[in-house]
Every structure is written in structure tokens, then in C-alpha cells.
Amino acid sequence: MGQQRRRIKHTTSFQERLLQQAAELQKSADQLPPGVERELLMKRVRQAEMALKIDDWLAVPGSAPPAALGAMKREPNVS
């Protein structure tokens, strides 16, 4: 039989983990000089914040999508 998936029992909620991740990424980005690496971290901060908005939206049945969701667009790749 195949491998079993590893199960993780989280001690914090999904929202708390996203908030913590966004705060840590923001702190790391603030310590960097302007440049590609900082922009990549800021992109991840924005992604975590958008995930929070989407999670809030999905938690309320029948609610309208967040306004920012309609304005989402692909960000250019930073190489």
C-alpha cells in the first residue's frame, strides 16, 4: 500500500498562522534595503493578507467577494 499522509495537529487557527506569517515577513522585509529580495517578501505579505480576506469571505455564506479580489491581477515576475 502507498505512503500515508503526515497529519499535523495545528495549535493555532489558520487566520492566526497567516497573521503571524505576514508579520514575520513584514519584519524581515523592513530590515532589507530596497531591491528584488525585499519586493519578493512584500509580495508574500500581500498574498498572506489576501488569503486572510478570502478566508473571511468564505466563512460567511452568501457574502459578496472582497473588493480587492475583483482587482486582483497577476503581478509581474521579479527575476
Protein backbone atom coordinates (compact mmCIF):
# COMPACT_ATOMS: atom_id res chain seq x y z
CA MET A 1 0.00 0.00 0.00
CA GLY A 2 1.18 3.60 -0.61
CA GLN A 3 2.58 6.06 1.86
CA GLN A 4 0.28 7.63 4.39
CA ARG A 5 0.00 11.40 4.53
CA ARG A 6 1.56 13.05 7.51
CA ARG A 7 -1.10 14.70 9.60
CA ILE A 8 -0.32 17.84 11.55
CA LYS A 9 -2.40 18.93 14.51
CA HIS A 10 -2.22 22.73 14.49
CA THR A 11 -2.40 24.51 17.81
CA THR A 12 -3.35 27.85 16.24
CA SER A 13 -6.05 28.74 13.74
CA PHE A 14 -5.42 29.26 10.05
CA GLN A 15 -6.01 33.00 10.45
CA GLU A 16 -3.56 33.24 13.36
CA ARG A 17 -0.91 31.42 11.34
CA LEU A 18 -1.46 33.73 8.35
CA LEU A 19 -1.27 36.83 10.56
CA GLN A 20 1.93 35.57 12.17
CA GLN A 21 3.46 34.76 8.79
CA ALA A 22 2.56 38.19 7.38
CA ALA A 23 4.04 39.93 10.44
CA GLU A 24 7.27 37.93 10.25
CA LEU A 25 7.63 38.56 6.52
CA GLN A 26 6.93 42.28 7.00
CA LYS A 27 9.56 42.47 9.74
CA SER A 28 12.10 40.72 7.51
CA ALA A 29 11.29 42.99 4.57
CA ASP A 30 11.63 46.11 6.72
CA GLN A 31 15.20 45.11 7.56
CA LEU A 32 16.24 44.83 3.91
CA PRO A 33 17.30 47.64 1.61
CA PRO A 34 15.07 48.34 -1.39
CA GLY A 35 15.55 45.70 -4.05
CA VAL A 36 14.37 42.43 -5.50
CA GLU A 37 14.59 40.38 -2.30
CA ARG A 38 12.55 42.95 -0.37
CA GLU A 39 9.92 43.10 -3.11
CA LEU A 40 9.58 39.32 -3.07
CA LEU A 41 8.98 39.38 0.69
CA MET A 42 6.44 42.19 0.30
CA LYS A 43 4.65 40.14 -2.37
CA ARG A 44 4.37 37.27 0.11
CA VAL A 45 2.99 39.69 2.73
CA ARG A 46 0.30 40.81 0.28
CA GLN A 47 -0.51 37.18 -0.55
CA ALA A 48 -0.96 36.32 3.14
CA GLU A 49 -3.19 39.37 3.61
CA MET A 50 -5.29 38.41 0.58
CA ALA A 51 -5.59 34.85 1.91
CA LEU A 52 -6.98 36.31 5.15
CA LYS A 53 -9.57 38.31 3.21
CA ILE A 54 -10.57 35.28 1.17
CA ASP A 55 -10.82 33.13 4.30
CA ASP A 56 -13.08 35.75 5.93
CA TRP A 57 -15.21 35.87 2.79
CA LEU A 58 -15.59 32.09 2.64
CA ALA A 59 -16.57 31.93 6.31
CA VAL A 60 -19.77 33.93 5.71
CA PRO A 61 -22.25 32.15 3.43
CA GLY A 62 -23.80 34.36 0.76
CA SER A 63 -21.42 37.27 1.26
CA ALA A 64 -20.01 39.27 -1.62
CA PRO A 65 -16.36 38.77 -2.50
CA PRO A 66 -13.87 41.28 -1.09
CA ALA A 67 -13.46 44.37 -3.26
CA ALA A 68 -9.74 43.69 -3.57
CA LEU A 69 -10.49 40.26 -5.01
CA GLY A 70 -12.01 41.81 -8.11
CA ALA A 71 -8.94 43.97 -8.56
CA MET A 72 -6.54 41.04 -8.27
CA LYS A 73 -4.21 40.72 -11.17
CA ARG A 74 -1.10 38.76 -11.85
CA GLU A 75 1.93 40.53 -10.55
CA PRO A 76 4.91 40.58 -12.89
CA ASN A 77 7.59 38.04 -12.12
CA VAL A 78 10.58 39.57 -10.41
CA SER A 79 13.74 37.94 -11.70
